[in-house]
ModelCIF file with pLDDT and N, C-alpha, C, O atoms, coordinates in Angstrom:
data_MODEL
#
_entry.id   MODEL 
#
_entity.id                         1 
_entity.type                       polymer 
_entity.pdbx_number_of_molecules   1 
#
_entity_poly.entity_id                      1 
_entity_poly.type                           'polypeptide(L)' 
_entity_poly.nstd_linkage                   no 
_entity_poly.nstd_monomer                   no 
_entity_poly.pdbx_seq_one_letter_code       ESDFIYFTSTGMGIQDIAVAKEIYNTAIEKNLGV 
_entity_poly.pdbx_seq_one_letter_code_can   ESDFIYFTSTGMGIQDIAVAKEIYNTAIEKNLGV 
_entity_poly.pdbx_strand_id                 A 
#
loop_
_entity_poly_seq.entity_id 
_entity_poly_seq.num 
_entity_poly_seq.mon_id 
_entity_poly_seq.hetero 
1 1  GLU n 
1 2  SER n 
1 3  ASP n 
1 4  PHE n 
1 5  ILE n 
1 6  TYR n 
1 7  PHE n 
1 8  THR n 
1 9  SER n 
1 10 THR n 
1 11 GLY n 
1 12 MET n 
1 13 GLY n 
1 14 ILE n 
1 15 GLN n 
1 16 ASP n 
1 17 ILE n 
1 18 ALA n 
1 19 VAL n 
1 20 ALA n 
1 21 LYS n 
1 22 GLU n 
1 23 ILE n 
1 24 TYR n 
1 25 ASN n 
1 26 THR n 
1 27 ALA n 
1 28 ILE n 
1 29 GLU n 
1 30 LYS n 
1 31 ASN n 
1 32 LEU n 
1 33 GLY n 
1 34 VAL n 
#
_struct_asym.id          A 
_struct_asym.entity_id   1 
#
loop_
_ma_qa_metric.id 
_ma_qa_metric.mode 
_ma_qa_metric.name 
_ma_qa_metric.software_group_id 
_ma_qa_metric.type 
1 global pLDDT . pLDDT 
2 local  pLDDT . pLDDT 
#
_ma_qa_metric_global.metric_id      1 
_ma_qa_metric_global.metric_value   97.71 
_ma_qa_metric_global.model_id       1 
_ma_qa_metric_global.ordinal_id     1 
#
loop_
_ma_qa_metric_local.label_asym_id 
_ma_qa_metric_local.label_comp_id 
_ma_qa_metric_local.label_seq_id 
_ma_qa_metric_local.metric_id 
_ma_qa_metric_local.metric_value 
_ma_qa_metric_local.model_id 
_ma_qa_metric_local.ordinal_id 
A GLU 1  2 98.00 1 1  
A SER 2  2 98.00 1 2  
A ASP 3  2 98.00 1 3  
A PHE 4  2 98.00 1 4  
A ILE 5  2 98.00 1 5  
A TYR 6  2 98.00 1 6  
A PHE 7  2 98.00 1 7  
A THR 8  2 98.00 1 8  
A SER 9  2 97.00 1 9  
A THR 10 2 94.00 1 10 
A GLY 11 2 95.00 1 11 
A MET 12 2 97.00 1 12 
A GLY 13 2 97.00 1 13 
A ILE 14 2 98.00 1 14 
A GLN 15 2 98.00 1 15 
A ASP 16 2 98.00 1 16 
A ILE 17 2 98.00 1 17 
A ALA 18 2 98.00 1 18 
A VAL 19 2 98.00 1 19 
A ALA 20 2 98.00 1 20 
A LYS 21 2 98.00 1 21 
A GLU 22 2 98.00 1 22 
A ILE 23 2 98.00 1 23 
A TYR 24 2 98.00 1 24 
A ASN 25 2 98.00 1 25 
A THR 26 2 98.00 1 26 
A ALA 27 2 98.00 1 27 
A ILE 28 2 98.00 1 28 
A GLU 29 2 98.00 1 29 
A LYS 30 2 98.00 1 30 
A ASN 31 2 98.00 1 31 
A LEU 32 2 98.00 1 32 
A GLY 33 2 98.00 1 33 
A VAL 34 2 98.00 1 34 
#
loop_
_atom_site.group_PDB 
_atom_site.id 
_atom_site.type_symbol 
_atom_site.label_atom_id 
_atom_site.label_alt_id 
_atom_site.label_comp_id 
_atom_site.label_asym_id 
_atom_site.label_entity_id 
_atom_site.label_seq_id 
_atom_site.pdbx_PDB_ins_code 
_atom_site.Cartn_x 
_atom_site.Cartn_y 
_atom_site.Cartn_z 
_atom_site.occupancy 
_atom_site.B_iso_or_equiv 
_atom_site.pdbx_formal_charge 
_atom_site.auth_seq_id 
_atom_site.auth_comp_id 
_atom_site.auth_asym_id 
_atom_site.auth_atom_id 
_atom_site.pdbx_PDB_model_num 
ATOM 1   N N  . GLU A 1 1  ? 137.748 82.069  105.577 1.00 98.00 ? 1  GLU A N  1 
ATOM 2   C CA . GLU A 1 1  ? 136.826 81.479  106.542 1.00 98.00 ? 1  GLU A CA 1 
ATOM 3   C C  . GLU A 1 1  ? 136.989 82.073  107.937 1.00 98.00 ? 1  GLU A C  1 
ATOM 4   O O  . GLU A 1 1  ? 136.009 82.212  108.669 1.00 98.00 ? 1  GLU A O  1 
ATOM 5   N N  . SER A 1 2  ? 138.216 82.423  108.309 1.00 98.00 ? 2  SER A N  1 
ATOM 6   C CA . SER A 1 2  ? 138.482 82.901  109.677 1.00 98.00 ? 2  SER A CA 1 
ATOM 7   C C  . SER A 1 2  ? 138.242 84.392  109.872 1.00 98.00 ? 2  SER A C  1 
ATOM 8   O O  . SER A 1 2  ? 138.372 84.894  110.989 1.00 98.00 ? 2  SER A O  1 
ATOM 9   N N  . ASP A 1 3  ? 137.896 85.107  108.808 1.00 98.00 ? 3  ASP A N  1 
ATOM 10  C CA . ASP A 1 3  ? 137.659 86.559  108.924 1.00 98.00 ? 3  ASP A CA 1 
ATOM 11  C C  . ASP A 1 3  ? 136.421 86.855  109.772 1.00 98.00 ? 3  ASP A C  1 
ATOM 12  O O  . ASP A 1 3  ? 135.411 86.157  109.684 1.00 98.00 ? 3  ASP A O  1 
ATOM 13  N N  . PHE A 1 4  ? 136.519 87.906  110.595 1.00 98.00 ? 4  PHE A N  1 
ATOM 14  C CA . PHE A 1 4  ? 135.339 88.470  111.247 1.00 98.00 ? 4  PHE A CA 1 
ATOM 15  C C  . PHE A 1 4  ? 134.844 89.613  110.371 1.00 98.00 ? 4  PHE A C  1 
ATOM 16  O O  . PHE A 1 4  ? 135.587 90.552  110.085 1.00 98.00 ? 4  PHE A O  1 
ATOM 17  N N  . ILE A 1 5  ? 133.596 89.531  109.949 1.00 98.00 ? 5  ILE A N  1 
ATOM 18  C CA . ILE A 1 5  ? 133.021 90.541  109.065 1.00 98.00 ? 5  ILE A CA 1 
ATOM 19  C C  . ILE A 1 5  ? 131.909 91.292  109.796 1.00 98.00 ? 5  ILE A C  1 
ATOM 20  O O  . ILE A 1 5  ? 131.051 90.693  110.444 1.00 98.00 ? 5  ILE A O  1 
ATOM 21  N N  . TYR A 1 6  ? 131.947 92.598  109.676 1.00 98.00 ? 6  TYR A N  1 
ATOM 22  C CA . TYR A 1 6  ? 130.955 93.475  110.309 1.00 98.00 ? 6  TYR A CA 1 
ATOM 23  C C  . TYR A 1 6  ? 130.104 94.120  109.218 1.00 98.00 ? 6  TYR A C  1 
ATOM 24  O O  . TYR A 1 6  ? 130.632 94.779  108.321 1.00 98.00 ? 6  TYR A O  1 
ATOM 25  N N  . PHE A 1 7  ? 128.794 93.931  109.295 1.00 98.00 ? 7  PHE A N  1 
ATOM 26  C CA . PHE A 1 7  ? 127.874 94.548  108.333 1.00 98.00 ? 7  PHE A CA 1 
ATOM 27  C C  . PHE A 1 7  ? 126.876 95.420  109.076 1.00 98.00 ? 7  PHE A C  1 
ATOM 28  O O  . PHE A 1 7  ? 126.286 94.999  110.071 1.00 98.00 ? 7  PHE A O  1 
ATOM 29  N N  . THR A 1 8  ? 126.695 96.634  108.584 1.00 98.00 ? 8  THR A N  1 
ATOM 30  C CA . THR A 1 8  ? 125.670 97.518  109.147 1.00 98.00 ? 8  THR A CA 1 
ATOM 31  C C  . THR A 1 8  ? 124.944 98.228  108.019 1.00 98.00 ? 8  THR A C  1 
ATOM 32  O O  . THR A 1 8  ? 125.505 98.481  106.953 1.00 98.00 ? 8  THR A O  1 
ATOM 33  N N  . SER A 1 9  ? 123.689 98.542  108.279 1.00 97.00 ? 9  SER A N  1 
ATOM 34  C CA . SER A 1 9  ? 122.867 99.179  107.248 1.00 97.00 ? 9  SER A CA 1 
ATOM 35  C C  . SER A 1 9  ? 121.957 100.208 107.892 1.00 97.00 ? 9  SER A C  1 
ATOM 36  O O  . SER A 1 9  ? 121.572 100.081 109.054 1.00 97.00 ? 9  SER A O  1 
ATOM 37  N N  . THR A 1 10 ? 121.623 101.221 107.121 1.00 94.00 ? 10 THR A N  1 
ATOM 38  C CA . THR A 1 10 ? 120.681 102.228 107.610 1.00 94.00 ? 10 THR A CA 1 
ATOM 39  C C  . THR A 1 10 ? 119.320 102.074 106.961 1.00 94.00 ? 10 THR A C  1 
ATOM 40  O O  . THR A 1 10 ? 118.347 102.684 107.405 1.00 94.00 ? 10 THR A O  1 
ATOM 41  N N  . GLY A 1 11 ? 119.242 101.265 105.914 1.00 95.00 ? 11 GLY A N  1 
ATOM 42  C CA . GLY A 1 11 ? 117.964 101.065 105.231 1.00 95.00 ? 11 GLY A CA 1 
ATOM 43  C C  . GLY A 1 11 ? 117.752 102.112 104.149 1.00 95.00 ? 11 GLY A C  1 
ATOM 44  O O  . GLY A 1 11 ? 118.097 103.281 104.324 1.00 95.00 ? 11 GLY A O  1 
ATOM 45  N N  . MET A 1 12 ? 117.184 101.685 103.036 1.00 97.00 ? 12 MET A N  1 
ATOM 46  C CA . MET A 1 12 ? 116.974 102.591 101.910 1.00 97.00 ? 12 MET A CA 1 
ATOM 47  C C  . MET A 1 12 ? 115.520 102.524 101.456 1.00 97.00 ? 12 MET A C  1 
ATOM 48  O O  . MET A 1 12 ? 114.956 101.444 101.281 1.00 97.00 ? 12 MET A O  1 
ATOM 49  N N  . GLY A 1 13 ? 114.929 103.697 101.269 1.00 97.00 ? 13 GLY A N  1 
ATOM 50  C CA . GLY A 1 13 ? 113.536 103.762 100.856 1.00 97.00 ? 13 GLY A CA 1 
ATOM 51  C C  . GLY A 1 13 ? 113.266 103.050 99.539  1.00 97.00 ? 13 GLY A C  1 
ATOM 52  O O  . GLY A 1 13 ? 112.149 102.593 99.296  1.00 97.00 ? 13 GLY A O  1 
ATOM 53  N N  . ILE A 1 14 ? 114.284 102.952 98.688  1.00 98.00 ? 14 ILE A N  1 
ATOM 54  C CA . ILE A 1 14 ? 114.080 102.279 97.395  1.00 98.00 ? 14 ILE A CA 1 
ATOM 55  C C  . ILE A 1 14 ? 113.787 100.795 97.584  1.00 98.00 ? 14 ILE A C  1 
ATOM 56  O O  . ILE A 1 14 ? 113.174 100.172 96.717  1.00 98.00 ? 14 ILE A O  1 
ATOM 57  N N  . GLN A 1 15 ? 114.215 100.223 98.703  1.00 98.00 ? 15 GLN A N  1 
ATOM 58  C CA . GLN A 1 15 ? 113.888 98.823  98.981  1.00 98.00 ? 15 GLN A CA 1 
ATOM 59  C C  . GLN A 1 15 ? 112.395 98.678  99.279  1.00 98.00 ? 15 GLN A C  1 
ATOM 60  O O  . GLN A 1 15 ? 111.739 97.762  98.783  1.00 98.00 ? 15 GLN A O  1 
ATOM 61  N N  . ASP A 1 16 ? 111.873 99.585  100.089 1.00 98.00 ? 16 ASP A N  1 
ATOM 62  C CA . ASP A 1 16 ? 110.446 99.566  100.406 1.00 98.00 ? 16 ASP A CA 1 
ATOM 63  C C  . ASP A 1 16 ? 109.603 99.769  99.155  1.00 98.00 ? 16 ASP A C  1 
ATOM 64  O O  . ASP A 1 16 ? 108.575 99.114  98.982  1.00 98.00 ? 16 ASP A O  1 
ATOM 65  N N  . ILE A 1 17 ? 110.036 100.675 98.283  1.00 98.00 ? 17 ILE A N  1 
ATOM 66  C CA . ILE A 1 17 ? 109.293 100.966 97.073  1.00 98.00 ? 17 ILE A CA 1 
ATOM 67  C C  . ILE A 1 17 ? 109.247 99.760  96.146  1.00 98.00 ? 17 ILE A C  1 
ATOM 68  O O  . ILE A 1 17 ? 108.206 99.465  95.559  1.00 98.00 ? 17 ILE A O  1 
ATOM 69  N N  . ALA A 1 18 ? 110.370 99.064  96.013  1.00 98.00 ? 18 ALA A N  1 
ATOM 70  C CA . ALA A 1 18 ? 110.431 97.885  95.149  1.00 98.00 ? 18 ALA A CA 1 
ATOM 71  C C  . ALA A 1 18 ? 109.523 96.782  95.670  1.00 98.00 ? 18 ALA A C  1 
ATOM 72  O O  . ALA A 1 18 ? 108.770 96.181  94.903  1.00 98.00 ? 18 ALA A O  1 
ATOM 73  N N  . VAL A 1 19 ? 109.589 96.514  96.969  1.00 98.00 ? 19 VAL A N  1 
ATOM 74  C CA . VAL A 1 19 ? 108.730 95.482  97.552  1.00 98.00 ? 19 VAL A CA 1 
ATOM 75  C C  . VAL A 1 19 ? 107.260 95.890  97.425  1.00 98.00 ? 19 VAL A C  1 
ATOM 76  O O  . VAL A 1 19 ? 106.411 95.068  97.083  1.00 98.00 ? 19 VAL A O  1 
ATOM 77  N N  . ALA A 1 20 ? 106.965 97.164  97.703  1.00 98.00 ? 20 ALA A N  1 
ATOM 78  C CA . ALA A 1 20 ? 105.589 97.652  97.613  1.00 98.00 ? 20 ALA A CA 1 
ATOM 79  C C  . ALA A 1 20 ? 105.058 97.577  96.181  1.00 98.00 ? 20 ALA A C  1 
ATOM 80  O O  . ALA A 1 20 ? 103.871 97.331  95.968  1.00 98.00 ? 20 ALA A O  1 
ATOM 81  N N  . LYS A 1 21 ? 105.944 97.792  95.194  1.00 98.00 ? 21 LYS A N  1 
ATOM 82  C CA . LYS A 1 21 ? 105.525 97.693  93.791  1.00 98.00 ? 21 LYS A CA 1 
ATOM 83  C C  . LYS A 1 21 ? 105.058 96.266  93.470  1.00 98.00 ? 21 LYS A C  1 
ATOM 84  O O  . LYS A 1 21 ? 104.040 96.085  92.801  1.00 98.00 ? 21 LYS A O  1 
ATOM 85  N N  . GLU A 1 22 ? 105.794 95.257  93.942  1.00 98.00 ? 22 GLU A N  1 
ATOM 86  C CA . GLU A 1 22 ? 105.391 93.874  93.704  1.00 98.00 ? 22 GLU A CA 1 
ATOM 87  C C  . GLU A 1 22 ? 104.078 93.558  94.419  1.00 98.00 ? 22 GLU A C  1 
ATOM 88  O O  . GLU A 1 22 ? 103.234 92.845  93.876  1.00 98.00 ? 22 GLU A O  1 
ATOM 89  N N  . ILE A 1 23 ? 103.904 94.076  95.615  1.00 98.00 ? 23 ILE A N  1 
ATOM 90  C CA . ILE A 1 23 ? 102.650 93.897  96.358  1.00 98.00 ? 23 ILE A CA 1 
ATOM 91  C C  . ILE A 1 23 ? 101.505 94.537  95.582  1.00 98.00 ? 23 ILE A C  1 
ATOM 92  O O  . ILE A 1 23 ? 100.435 93.946  95.436  1.00 98.00 ? 23 ILE A O  1 
ATOM 93  N N  . TYR A 1 24 ? 101.736 95.743  95.090  1.00 98.00 ? 24 TYR A N  1 
ATOM 94  C CA . TYR A 1 24 ? 100.717 96.480  94.334  1.00 98.00 ? 24 TYR A CA 1 
ATOM 95  C C  . TYR A 1 24 ? 100.318 95.712  93.068  1.00 98.00 ? 24 TYR A C  1 
ATOM 96  O O  . TYR A 1 24 ? 99.132  95.584  92.765  1.00 98.00 ? 24 TYR A O  1 
ATOM 97  N N  . ASN A 1 25 ? 101.300 95.208  92.342  1.00 98.00 ? 25 ASN A N  1 
ATOM 98  C CA . ASN A 1 25 ? 101.002 94.456  91.113  1.00 98.00 ? 25 ASN A CA 1 
ATOM 99  C C  . ASN A 1 25 ? 100.146 93.225  91.411  1.00 98.00 ? 25 ASN A C  1 
ATOM 100 O O  . ASN A 1 25 ? 99.210  92.910  90.676  1.00 98.00 ? 25 ASN A O  1 
ATOM 101 N N  . THR A 1 26 ? 100.485 92.534  92.504  1.00 98.00 ? 26 THR A N  1 
ATOM 102 C CA . THR A 1 26 ? 99.724  91.352  92.885  1.00 98.00 ? 26 THR A CA 1 
ATOM 103 C C  . THR A 1 26 ? 98.302  91.720  93.297  1.00 98.00 ? 26 THR A C  1 
ATOM 104 O O  . THR A 1 26 ? 97.349  91.007  92.984  1.00 98.00 ? 26 THR A O  1 
ATOM 105 N N  . ALA A 1 27 ? 98.172  92.849  94.006  1.00 98.00 ? 27 ALA A N  1 
ATOM 106 C CA . ALA A 1 27 ? 96.845  93.298  94.429  1.00 98.00 ? 27 ALA A CA 1 
ATOM 107 C C  . ALA A 1 27 ? 95.958  93.605  93.224  1.00 98.00 ? 27 ALA A C  1 
ATOM 108 O O  . ALA A 1 27 ? 94.764  93.303  93.236  1.00 98.00 ? 27 ALA A O  1 
ATOM 109 N N  . ILE A 1 28 ? 96.531  94.194  92.201  1.00 98.00 ? 28 ILE A N  1 
ATOM 110 C CA . ILE A 1 28 ? 95.780  94.473  90.973  1.00 98.00 ? 28 ILE A CA 1 
ATOM 111 C C  . ILE A 1 28 ? 95.335  93.163  90.319  1.00 98.00 ? 28 ILE A C  1 
ATOM 112 O O  . ILE A 1 28 ? 94.191  93.030  89.884  1.00 98.00 ? 28 ILE A O  1 
ATOM 113 N N  . GLU A 1 29 ? 96.250  92.209  90.259  1.00 98.00 ? 29 GLU A N  1 
ATOM 114 C CA . GLU A 1 29 ? 95.926  90.910  89.647  1.00 98.00 ? 29 GLU A CA 1 
ATOM 115 C C  . GLU A 1 29 ? 94.823  90.188  90.413  1.00 98.00 ? 29 GLU A C  1 
ATOM 116 O O  . GLU A 1 29 ? 93.957  89.555  89.809  1.00 98.00 ? 29 GLU A O  1 
ATOM 117 N N  . LYS A 1 30 ? 94.855  90.281  91.738  1.00 98.00 ? 30 LYS A N  1 
ATOM 118 C CA . LYS A 1 30 ? 93.892  89.558  92.570  1.00 98.00 ? 30 LYS A CA 1 
ATOM 119 C C  . LYS A 1 30 ? 92.659  90.379  92.914  1.00 98.00 ? 30 LYS A C  1 
ATOM 120 O O  . LYS A 1 30 ? 91.762  89.895  93.603  1.00 98.00 ? 30 LYS A O  1 
ATOM 121 N N  . ASN A 1 31 ? 92.611  91.614  92.440  1.00 98.00 ? 31 ASN A N  1 
ATOM 122 C CA . ASN A 1 31 ? 91.491  92.515  92.706  1.00 98.00 ? 31 ASN A CA 1 
ATOM 123 C C  . ASN A 1 31 ? 91.297  92.720  94.214  1.00 98.00 ? 31 ASN A C  1 
ATOM 124 O O  . ASN A 1 31 ? 90.185  92.642  94.737  1.00 98.00 ? 31 ASN A O  1 
ATOM 125 N N  . LEU A 1 32 ? 92.422  92.985  94.891  1.00 98.00 ? 32 LEU A N  1 
ATOM 126 C CA . LEU A 1 32 ? 92.392  93.223  96.327  1.00 98.00 ? 32 LEU A CA 1 
ATOM 127 C C  . LEU A 1 32 ? 92.582  94.712  96.622  1.00 98.00 ? 32 LEU A C  1 
ATOM 128 O O  . LEU A 1 32 ? 93.095  95.459  95.788  1.00 98.00 ? 32 LEU A O  1 
ATOM 129 N N  . GLY A 1 33 ? 92.172  95.123  97.792  1.00 98.00 ? 33 GLY A N  1 
ATOM 130 C CA . GLY A 1 33 ? 92.308  96.515  98.193  1.00 98.00 ? 33 GLY A CA 1 
ATOM 131 C C  . GLY A 1 33 ? 91.031  97.309  97.920  1.00 98.00 ? 33 GLY A C  1 
ATOM 132 O O  . GLY A 1 33 ? 90.073  96.805  97.334  1.00 98.00 ? 33 GLY A O  1 
ATOM 133 N N  . VAL A 1 34 ? 91.050  98.537  98.354  1.00 98.00 ? 34 VAL A N  1 
ATOM 134 C CA . VAL A 1 34 ? 89.914  99.446  98.174  1.00 98.00 ? 34 VAL A CA 1 
ATOM 135 C C  . VAL A 1 34 ? 90.343  100.593 97.256  1.00 98.00 ? 34 VAL A C  1 
ATOM 136 O O  . VAL A 1 34 ? 89.544  101.483 96.964  1.00 98.00 ? 34 VAL A O  1 
#
C-alpha cells in the first residue's frame, strides 16, 4: 500500500487499431458511414 509507483507509456498503434475495429464493426451493423 505504501509503495510509490511510476507508470509511463508511449502509446501503441495496435490499441488504436483494436478500438477502430470495434467501431468499424458497429458501423457496419448500424449502416453508418459513407
